[in-house]
């Protein structure tokens, strides 16, 4: 499992039996995410499922996935094949704009001969993370004013000593 620009997933969970998510995002995967299973993150937003048109992940046992609106935070992509699902976490620490990647169902479900089963659907959740506070940058005008004040104060001090 990869995301273009990020590489391979940071970690994964699964395979689990059953369905990962319902159409509204509730279900087993959301329950797992809410426990902080990935990096302690507990606040997640359901982005959508491929079988409901939220993004593109065509069938087969491997391929590419893509989404129209970028994901700029940590996210999870879950794959459902046969009666199993696995979830793949992407940390995305640099908040890069991710629009897609590659997937395969080998880690989700294989038949008795070891052949990966076809994708039923993929599901995406994005983590809701607080933005770091902005760094204060001194204004150039303020630095210049402080410099003029310091030069003036030193000049005044020198005048008092001479005078």
N, C-alpha and C. Protein backbone atom coordinates (compact mmCIF):
# COMPACT_ATOMS: atom_id res chain seq x y z
N UNK A 1 0.86 -1.17 0.00
CA UNK A 1 0.00 0.00 0.00
C UNK A 1 0.90 1.23 0.00
N UNK A 2 0.67 2.13 -0.94
CA UNK A 2 1.47 3.36 -1.00
C UNK A 2 0.57 4.57 -1.21
N UNK A 3 1.14 5.72 -0.93
CA UNK A 3 0.54 7.01 -1.27
C UNK A 3 1.61 7.77 -2.03
N UNK A 4 1.25 8.28 -3.21
CA UNK A 4 2.22 9.01 -4.02
C UNK A 4 2.75 10.20 -3.23
N UNK A 5 4.07 10.33 -3.15
CA UNK A 5 4.71 11.40 -2.40
C UNK A 5 5.10 11.00 -0.99
N UNK A 6 4.44 9.97 -0.45
CA UNK A 6 4.73 9.52 0.92
C UNK A 6 5.44 8.17 0.95
N UNK A 7 5.20 7.33 -0.04
CA UNK A 7 5.74 5.99 -0.03
C UNK A 7 4.81 5.02 0.66
N UNK A 8 5.39 3.98 1.26
CA UNK A 8 4.60 2.92 1.89
C UNK A 8 3.89 3.42 3.15
N UNK A 9 2.83 2.71 3.51
CA UNK A 9 2.09 3.07 4.72
C UNK A 9 3.00 2.98 5.93
N UNK A 10 2.69 3.78 6.95
CA UNK A 10 3.47 3.83 8.18
C UNK A 10 3.24 2.58 9.02
N UNK A 11 1.99 2.13 9.10
CA UNK A 11 1.64 0.92 9.84
C UNK A 11 0.28 0.41 9.35
N UNK A 12 -0.08 -0.78 9.82
CA UNK A 12 -1.38 -1.33 9.41
C UNK A 12 -1.95 -2.22 10.50
N UNK A 13 -3.25 -2.47 10.41
CA UNK A 13 -3.94 -3.42 11.28
C UNK A 13 -4.77 -4.34 10.41
N UNK A 14 -4.98 -5.55 10.86
CA UNK A 14 -5.81 -6.49 10.12
C UNK A 14 -5.00 -7.69 9.69
N UNK A 15 -5.59 -8.60 9.10
CA UNK A 15 -6.93 -8.61 8.52
C UNK A 15 -7.97 -9.02 9.57
N UNK A 16 -9.14 -8.38 9.44
CA UNK A 16 -10.28 -8.64 10.29
C UNK A 16 -11.41 -9.19 9.43
N UNK A 17 -12.25 -10.04 9.99
CA UNK A 17 -13.41 -10.54 9.26
C UNK A 17 -14.55 -9.54 9.35
N UNK A 18 -15.38 -9.53 8.31
CA UNK A 18 -16.56 -8.67 8.30
C UNK A 18 -16.35 -7.45 7.43
N UNK A 19 -17.16 -6.44 7.68
CA UNK A 19 -17.11 -5.22 6.88
C UNK A 19 -16.41 -4.12 7.67
N UNK A 20 -15.62 -3.30 6.98
CA UNK A 20 -14.89 -2.23 7.66
C UNK A 20 -15.77 -1.04 8.02
N UNK A 21 -16.64 -0.63 7.10
CA UNK A 21 -17.42 0.59 7.32
C UNK A 21 -18.75 0.54 6.58
N UNK A 22 -19.74 1.16 7.17
CA UNK A 22 -21.03 1.35 6.52
C UNK A 22 -20.94 2.59 5.63
N UNK A 23 -21.99 2.87 4.90
CA UNK A 23 -22.00 4.01 3.98
C UNK A 23 -21.81 5.35 4.66
N UNK A 24 -22.17 5.46 5.94
CA UNK A 24 -22.02 6.73 6.65
C UNK A 24 -20.72 6.80 7.45
N UNK A 25 -19.88 5.78 7.33
CA UNK A 25 -18.59 5.79 8.01
C UNK A 25 -18.55 5.09 9.34
N UNK A 26 -19.71 4.69 9.87
CA UNK A 26 -19.71 3.96 11.14
C UNK A 26 -19.27 2.53 10.90
N UNK A 27 -18.91 1.84 11.95
CA UNK A 27 -18.57 0.43 11.82
C UNK A 27 -17.26 0.08 12.49
N UNK A 28 -16.79 -1.12 12.18
CA UNK A 28 -15.62 -1.69 12.85
C UNK A 28 -14.36 -0.84 12.71
N UNK A 29 -14.10 -0.31 11.53
CA UNK A 29 -12.89 0.50 11.34
C UNK A 29 -12.96 1.78 12.16
N UNK A 30 -14.09 2.49 12.11
CA UNK A 30 -14.22 3.72 12.89
C UNK A 30 -14.05 3.42 14.38
N UNK A 31 -14.60 2.30 14.83
CA UNK A 31 -14.45 1.93 16.24
C UNK A 31 -12.97 1.72 16.59
N UNK A 32 -12.22 1.07 15.70
CA UNK A 32 -10.78 0.88 15.92
C UNK A 32 -10.05 2.23 15.95
N UNK A 33 -10.36 3.10 14.98
CA UNK A 33 -9.69 4.40 14.90
C UNK A 33 -9.95 5.22 16.16
N UNK A 34 -11.15 5.15 16.69
CA UNK A 34 -11.53 5.95 17.86
C UNK A 34 -10.77 5.55 19.12
N UNK A 35 -10.15 4.38 19.11
CA UNK A 35 -9.36 3.95 20.27
C UNK A 35 -7.95 4.50 20.25
N UNK A 36 -7.55 5.17 19.15
CA UNK A 36 -6.19 5.70 19.05
C UNK A 36 -5.20 4.68 18.56
N UNK A 37 -5.67 3.66 17.84
CA UNK A 37 -4.81 2.57 17.37
C UNK A 37 -3.64 3.07 16.52
N UNK A 38 -3.81 4.18 15.83
CA UNK A 38 -2.72 4.74 15.02
C UNK A 38 -2.21 6.04 15.64
N UNK A 39 -1.01 5.99 16.20
CA UNK A 39 -0.32 7.16 16.79
C UNK A 39 -1.14 7.89 17.85
N UNK A 40 -2.09 7.22 18.46
CA UNK A 40 -2.90 7.84 19.50
C UNK A 40 -3.95 8.80 18.98
N UNK A 41 -4.09 8.91 17.66
CA UNK A 41 -5.09 9.81 17.07
C UNK A 41 -6.49 9.23 17.27
N UNK A 42 -7.41 10.03 17.81
CA UNK A 42 -8.76 9.54 18.08
C UNK A 42 -9.85 10.33 17.37
N UNK A 43 -9.50 11.42 16.72
CA UNK A 43 -10.50 12.26 16.05
C UNK A 43 -10.37 12.07 14.54
N UNK A 44 -11.32 11.36 13.92
CA UNK A 44 -11.26 10.99 12.51
C UNK A 44 -12.49 11.46 11.76
N UNK A 45 -12.28 11.83 10.52
CA UNK A 45 -13.38 12.24 9.63
C UNK A 45 -13.50 11.23 8.50
N UNK A 46 -14.71 10.73 8.28
CA UNK A 46 -14.98 9.80 7.19
C UNK A 46 -14.93 10.57 5.88
N UNK A 47 -14.04 10.17 4.97
CA UNK A 47 -13.92 10.81 3.66
C UNK A 47 -14.84 10.14 2.67
N UNK A 48 -14.89 8.81 2.67
CA UNK A 48 -15.80 8.11 1.78
C UNK A 48 -15.33 6.73 1.41
N UNK A 49 -16.16 6.08 0.59
CA UNK A 49 -15.88 4.73 0.11
C UNK A 49 -15.84 4.72 -1.40
N UNK A 50 -15.00 3.86 -1.94
CA UNK A 50 -14.86 3.79 -3.40
C UNK A 50 -16.12 3.27 -4.08
N UNK A 51 -16.86 2.37 -3.43
CA UNK A 51 -18.06 1.83 -4.06
C UNK A 51 -19.24 2.79 -4.00
N UNK A 52 -19.05 3.94 -3.36
CA UNK A 52 -20.09 4.97 -3.32
C UNK A 52 -19.66 6.21 -4.07
N UNK A 53 -18.58 6.11 -4.84
CA UNK A 53 -18.14 7.21 -5.69
C UNK A 53 -17.32 8.29 -5.03
N UNK A 54 -16.92 8.11 -3.76
CA UNK A 54 -16.15 9.14 -3.06
C UNK A 54 -14.75 9.29 -3.64
N UNK A 55 -14.21 8.19 -4.14
CA UNK A 55 -12.91 8.21 -4.80
C UNK A 55 -12.81 6.98 -5.68
N UNK A 56 -11.75 6.88 -6.45
CA UNK A 56 -11.60 5.82 -7.43
C UNK A 56 -10.60 4.77 -6.96
N UNK A 57 -11.05 3.52 -6.87
CA UNK A 57 -10.19 2.37 -6.60
C UNK A 57 -10.85 1.19 -7.31
N UNK A 58 -10.53 0.99 -8.57
CA UNK A 58 -11.20 -0.06 -9.35
C UNK A 58 -10.92 -1.46 -8.80
N UNK A 59 -11.77 -2.43 -9.17
CA UNK A 59 -11.65 -3.80 -8.71
C UNK A 59 -10.37 -4.48 -9.14
N UNK A 60 -10.29 -5.77 -8.87
CA UNK A 60 -9.08 -6.54 -9.11
C UNK A 60 -8.36 -6.75 -7.80
N UNK A 61 -7.17 -7.35 -7.85
CA UNK A 61 -6.42 -7.60 -6.62
C UNK A 61 -5.28 -6.60 -6.41
N UNK A 62 -5.10 -5.67 -7.35
CA UNK A 62 -4.12 -4.60 -7.18
C UNK A 62 -4.44 -3.48 -8.17
N UNK A 63 -3.93 -2.31 -7.88
CA UNK A 63 -4.18 -1.18 -8.77
C UNK A 63 -3.77 0.13 -8.13
N UNK A 64 -4.36 1.21 -8.63
CA UNK A 64 -4.11 2.53 -8.07
C UNK A 64 -5.40 3.10 -7.52
N UNK A 65 -5.26 3.98 -6.54
CA UNK A 65 -6.42 4.69 -6.00
C UNK A 65 -6.16 6.18 -6.18
N UNK A 66 -7.22 6.95 -6.34
CA UNK A 66 -7.06 8.40 -6.43
C UNK A 66 -8.30 9.09 -5.91
N UNK A 67 -8.09 10.31 -5.46
CA UNK A 67 -9.15 11.12 -4.86
C UNK A 67 -9.05 12.53 -5.42
N UNK A 68 -10.20 13.18 -5.65
CA UNK A 68 -10.21 14.50 -6.29
C UNK A 68 -9.69 15.60 -5.37
N UNK A 69 -10.03 15.54 -4.09
CA UNK A 69 -9.60 16.56 -3.13
C UNK A 69 -8.46 15.99 -2.30
N UNK A 70 -7.35 16.70 -2.25
CA UNK A 70 -6.17 16.17 -1.57
C UNK A 70 -6.40 15.95 -0.08
N UNK A 71 -5.61 15.05 0.46
CA UNK A 71 -5.58 14.79 1.90
C UNK A 71 -4.25 15.35 2.40
N UNK A 72 -4.32 16.29 3.36
CA UNK A 72 -3.12 16.98 3.85
C UNK A 72 -2.85 16.69 5.32
N UNK A 73 -3.32 15.57 5.80
CA UNK A 73 -3.15 15.21 7.20
C UNK A 73 -2.92 13.70 7.27
N UNK A 74 -2.67 13.17 8.47
CA UNK A 74 -2.61 11.71 8.58
C UNK A 74 -3.92 11.11 8.08
N UNK A 75 -3.84 9.93 7.45
CA UNK A 75 -5.06 9.29 6.95
C UNK A 75 -4.93 7.78 6.97
N UNK A 76 -6.08 7.12 6.86
CA UNK A 76 -6.15 5.66 6.82
C UNK A 76 -6.91 5.25 5.57
N UNK A 77 -6.36 4.29 4.86
CA UNK A 77 -7.03 3.69 3.71
C UNK A 77 -7.26 2.23 4.06
N UNK A 78 -8.51 1.82 4.03
CA UNK A 78 -8.89 0.44 4.34
C UNK A 78 -9.28 -0.27 3.06
N UNK A 79 -8.87 -1.53 2.94
CA UNK A 79 -9.24 -2.35 1.79
C UNK A 79 -10.11 -3.50 2.27
N UNK A 80 -11.22 -3.73 1.57
CA UNK A 80 -12.13 -4.84 1.87
C UNK A 80 -12.10 -5.78 0.68
N UNK A 81 -11.78 -7.06 0.92
CA UNK A 81 -11.78 -8.08 -0.12
C UNK A 81 -12.38 -9.35 0.47
N UNK A 82 -13.24 -10.01 -0.30
CA UNK A 82 -13.96 -11.20 0.19
C UNK A 82 -14.64 -10.83 1.51
N UNK A 83 -14.35 -11.54 2.60
CA UNK A 83 -14.99 -11.23 3.88
C UNK A 83 -13.99 -10.69 4.90
N UNK A 84 -12.96 -9.99 4.41
CA UNK A 84 -11.93 -9.45 5.31
C UNK A 84 -11.56 -8.03 4.93
N UNK A 85 -10.98 -7.31 5.89
CA UNK A 85 -10.48 -5.96 5.63
C UNK A 85 -9.21 -5.71 6.45
N UNK A 86 -8.39 -4.85 5.92
CA UNK A 86 -7.18 -4.37 6.60
C UNK A 86 -7.11 -2.86 6.43
N UNK A 87 -6.53 -2.18 7.40
CA UNK A 87 -6.43 -0.71 7.35
C UNK A 87 -4.97 -0.30 7.39
N UNK A 88 -4.62 0.65 6.53
CA UNK A 88 -3.25 1.11 6.35
C UNK A 88 -3.16 2.59 6.73
N UNK A 89 -2.25 2.91 7.66
CA UNK A 89 -2.10 4.27 8.19
C UNK A 89 -0.94 4.98 7.50
N UNK A 90 -1.18 6.22 7.11
CA UNK A 90 -0.15 7.09 6.54
C UNK A 90 0.00 8.29 7.46
N UNK A 91 1.17 8.45 8.06
CA UNK A 91 1.39 9.52 9.04
C UNK A 91 1.32 10.90 8.41
N UNK A 92 1.87 11.08 7.23
CA UNK A 92 1.86 12.36 6.51
C UNK A 92 2.28 13.51 7.41
N UNK A 93 3.41 13.35 8.09
CA UNK A 93 3.90 14.33 9.07
C UNK A 93 4.18 15.69 8.46
N UNK A 94 4.52 15.75 7.18
CA UNK A 94 4.82 17.03 6.53
C UNK A 94 3.60 17.66 5.88
N UNK A 95 2.42 17.10 6.11
CA UNK A 95 1.15 17.62 5.58
C UNK A 95 1.19 17.81 4.06
N UNK A 96 1.76 16.83 3.37
CA UNK A 96 1.81 16.89 1.91
C UNK A 96 0.42 16.66 1.32
N UNK A 97 0.17 17.22 0.16
CA UNK A 97 -1.10 17.03 -0.53
C UNK A 97 -1.06 15.68 -1.24
N UNK A 98 -1.86 14.73 -0.76
CA UNK A 98 -1.89 13.38 -1.33
C UNK A 98 -3.17 13.23 -2.14
N UNK A 99 -3.01 12.76 -3.38
CA UNK A 99 -4.15 12.55 -4.28
C UNK A 99 -4.34 11.09 -4.68
N UNK A 100 -3.43 10.19 -4.30
CA UNK A 100 -3.58 8.80 -4.70
C UNK A 100 -2.39 7.96 -4.33
N UNK A 101 -2.42 6.71 -4.81
CA UNK A 101 -1.35 5.77 -4.53
C UNK A 101 -1.65 4.42 -5.15
N UNK A 102 -1.00 3.39 -4.62
CA UNK A 102 -1.19 2.03 -5.12
C UNK A 102 -1.72 1.14 -3.99
N UNK A 103 -2.36 0.05 -4.37
CA UNK A 103 -2.89 -0.88 -3.39
C UNK A 103 -2.82 -2.30 -3.93
N UNK A 104 -2.87 -3.28 -3.01
CA UNK A 104 -3.02 -4.69 -3.38
C UNK A 104 -3.68 -5.40 -2.21
N UNK A 105 -4.42 -6.45 -2.51
CA UNK A 105 -5.19 -7.14 -1.47
C UNK A 105 -4.48 -8.35 -0.87
N UNK A 106 -3.20 -8.55 -1.17
CA UNK A 106 -2.46 -9.69 -0.60
C UNK A 106 -2.55 -9.73 0.93
N UNK A 107 -2.48 -8.59 1.58
CA UNK A 107 -2.53 -8.53 3.04
C UNK A 107 -3.93 -8.50 3.60
N UNK A 108 -4.92 -8.65 2.74
CA UNK A 108 -6.31 -8.58 3.18
C UNK A 108 -6.96 -9.95 3.14
N UNK A 109 -6.96 -10.58 1.97
CA UNK A 109 -7.64 -11.86 1.82
C UNK A 109 -7.06 -12.63 0.64
N UNK A 110 -6.73 -13.89 0.90
CA UNK A 110 -6.30 -14.79 -0.17
C UNK A 110 -7.17 -16.04 -0.12
N UNK A 111 -7.31 -16.71 -1.27
CA UNK A 111 -8.10 -17.94 -1.28
C UNK A 111 -7.23 -19.11 -0.82
N UNK A 112 -7.76 -20.32 -0.87
CA UNK A 112 -7.04 -21.51 -0.38
C UNK A 112 -5.77 -21.78 -1.16
N UNK A 113 -5.67 -21.26 -2.38
CA UNK A 113 -4.46 -21.44 -3.19
C UNK A 113 -3.47 -20.29 -2.99
N UNK A 114 -3.79 -19.34 -2.08
CA UNK A 114 -2.90 -18.22 -1.81
C UNK A 114 -3.01 -17.07 -2.78
N UNK A 115 -4.07 -17.07 -3.59
CA UNK A 115 -4.28 -16.00 -4.57
C UNK A 115 -5.08 -14.88 -3.93
N UNK A 116 -4.59 -13.66 -4.08
CA UNK A 116 -5.27 -12.48 -3.51
C UNK A 116 -6.67 -12.34 -4.10
N UNK A 117 -7.63 -12.02 -3.25
CA UNK A 117 -9.02 -11.84 -3.66
C UNK A 117 -9.23 -10.43 -4.20
N UNK A 118 -10.25 -10.28 -5.04
CA UNK A 118 -10.54 -8.97 -5.64
C UNK A 118 -11.08 -7.99 -4.61
N UNK A 119 -10.79 -6.73 -4.84
CA UNK A 119 -11.24 -5.65 -3.97
C UNK A 119 -12.76 -5.49 -4.05
N UNK A 120 -13.40 -5.43 -2.92
CA UNK A 120 -14.82 -5.11 -2.84
C UNK A 120 -14.98 -3.59 -2.81
N UNK A 121 -14.27 -2.95 -1.89
CA UNK A 121 -14.26 -1.48 -1.81
C UNK A 121 -13.08 -1.03 -0.96
N UNK A 122 -12.77 0.24 -1.06
CA UNK A 122 -11.76 0.88 -0.22
C UNK A 122 -12.45 2.03 0.53
N UNK A 123 -11.96 2.33 1.72
CA UNK A 123 -12.54 3.36 2.57
C UNK A 123 -11.42 4.27 3.06
N UNK A 124 -11.69 5.58 3.10
CA UNK A 124 -10.68 6.54 3.58
C UNK A 124 -11.24 7.36 4.74
N UNK A 125 -10.40 7.51 5.76
CA UNK A 125 -10.64 8.44 6.88
C UNK A 125 -9.43 9.35 6.98
N UNK A 126 -9.67 10.61 7.33
CA UNK A 126 -8.56 11.54 7.58
C UNK A 126 -8.61 11.95 9.05
N UNK A 127 -7.43 12.10 9.64
CA UNK A 127 -7.34 12.53 11.03
C UNK A 127 -7.57 14.03 11.12
N UNK A 128 -8.30 14.43 12.13
CA UNK A 128 -8.49 15.85 12.42
C UNK A 128 -7.43 16.21 13.46
N UNK A 129 -6.44 16.98 13.04
CA UNK A 129 -5.34 17.35 13.93
C UNK A 129 -5.30 18.86 14.08
N UNK A 130 -4.92 19.30 15.27
CA UNK A 130 -4.78 20.73 15.52
C UNK A 130 -3.56 21.25 14.78
N UNK A 131 -3.72 22.38 14.15
CA UNK A 131 -2.58 23.02 13.48
C UNK A 131 -1.65 23.59 14.54
N UNK A 132 -0.35 23.48 14.36
CA UNK A 132 0.57 24.06 15.33
C UNK A 132 0.41 25.58 15.36
N UNK A 133 0.63 26.19 16.52
CA UNK A 133 0.48 27.65 16.58
C UNK A 133 1.50 28.33 15.67
N UNK A 134 1.11 29.42 15.04
CA UNK A 134 2.05 30.10 14.14
C UNK A 134 3.23 30.66 14.93
N UNK A 135 4.39 30.62 14.32
CA UNK A 135 5.60 31.17 14.95
C UNK A 135 5.57 32.68 14.80
N UNK A 136 5.90 33.38 15.89
CA UNK A 136 5.92 34.84 15.81
C UNK A 136 7.22 35.27 15.14
N UNK A 137 7.08 36.13 14.18
CA UNK A 137 8.23 36.65 13.44
C UNK A 137 8.26 38.15 13.69
N UNK A 138 9.38 38.68 14.23
CA UNK A 138 9.43 40.11 14.49
C UNK A 138 9.33 40.90 13.18
N UNK A 139 8.61 41.99 13.29
CA UNK A 139 8.46 42.85 12.11
C UNK A 139 9.73 43.65 11.89
N UNK A 140 10.16 43.83 10.64
CA UNK A 140 11.38 44.59 10.36
C UNK A 140 11.32 46.01 10.92
N UNK A 141 10.17 46.64 10.87
CA UNK A 141 10.03 48.02 11.37
C UNK A 141 10.28 48.11 12.86
N UNK A 142 9.83 47.10 13.60
CA UNK A 142 10.01 47.09 15.05
C UNK A 142 11.48 46.92 15.39
N UNK A 143 12.19 46.07 14.68
CA UNK A 143 13.62 45.88 14.93
C UNK A 143 14.38 47.17 14.66
N UNK A 144 14.03 47.86 13.59
CA UNK A 144 14.70 49.12 13.26
C UNK A 144 14.42 50.17 14.33
N UNK A 145 13.19 50.24 14.80
CA UNK A 145 12.83 51.22 15.83
C UNK A 145 13.60 50.95 17.12
N UNK A 146 13.72 49.67 17.50
CA UNK A 146 14.48 49.34 18.70
C UNK A 146 15.95 49.70 18.53
N UNK A 147 16.49 49.51 17.34
CA UNK A 147 17.88 49.87 17.06
C UNK A 147 18.10 51.36 17.20
N UNK A 148 17.22 52.18 16.65
CA UNK A 148 17.32 53.64 16.74
C UNK A 148 17.22 54.07 18.20
N UNK A 149 16.30 53.46 18.94
CA UNK A 149 16.14 53.78 20.35
C UNK A 149 17.42 53.47 21.12
N UNK A 150 18.03 52.31 20.87
CA UNK A 150 19.25 51.91 21.57
C UNK A 150 20.40 52.86 21.25
N UNK A 151 20.56 53.25 19.98
CA UNK A 151 21.62 54.18 19.59
C UNK A 151 21.39 55.53 20.27
N UNK A 152 20.15 55.99 20.30
CA UNK A 152 19.83 57.26 20.95
C UNK A 152 20.12 57.22 22.44
N UNK A 153 19.79 56.11 23.10
CA UNK A 153 20.03 55.98 24.53
C UNK A 153 21.52 55.97 24.83
N UNK A 154 22.29 55.28 24.01
CA UNK A 154 23.75 55.26 24.21
C UNK A 154 24.35 56.64 23.99
N UNK A 155 23.85 57.36 22.98
CA UNK A 155 24.34 58.72 22.72
C UNK A 155 24.04 59.63 23.89
N UNK A 156 22.88 59.52 24.46
CA UNK A 156 22.48 60.35 25.61
C UNK A 156 23.36 60.04 26.82
N UNK A 157 23.63 58.75 27.04
CA UNK A 157 24.48 58.34 28.14
C UNK A 157 25.89 58.90 27.98
N UNK A 158 26.41 58.88 26.76
CA UNK A 158 27.74 59.39 26.47
C UNK A 158 27.79 60.91 26.72
N UNK A 159 26.72 61.64 26.34
CA UNK A 159 26.67 63.09 26.55
C UNK A 159 26.72 63.41 28.03
N UNK A 160 26.01 62.64 28.85
CA UNK A 160 25.99 62.89 30.30
C UNK A 160 27.37 62.69 30.90
N UNK A 161 28.12 61.69 30.43
CA UNK A 161 29.45 61.41 30.96
C UNK A 161 30.43 62.51 30.56
N UNK A 162 30.30 63.05 29.33
CA UNK A 162 31.21 64.09 28.86
C UNK A 162 30.85 65.45 29.45
N UNK A 163 29.62 65.65 29.72
CA UNK A 163 29.11 66.96 30.05
C UNK A 163 29.21 67.39 31.42
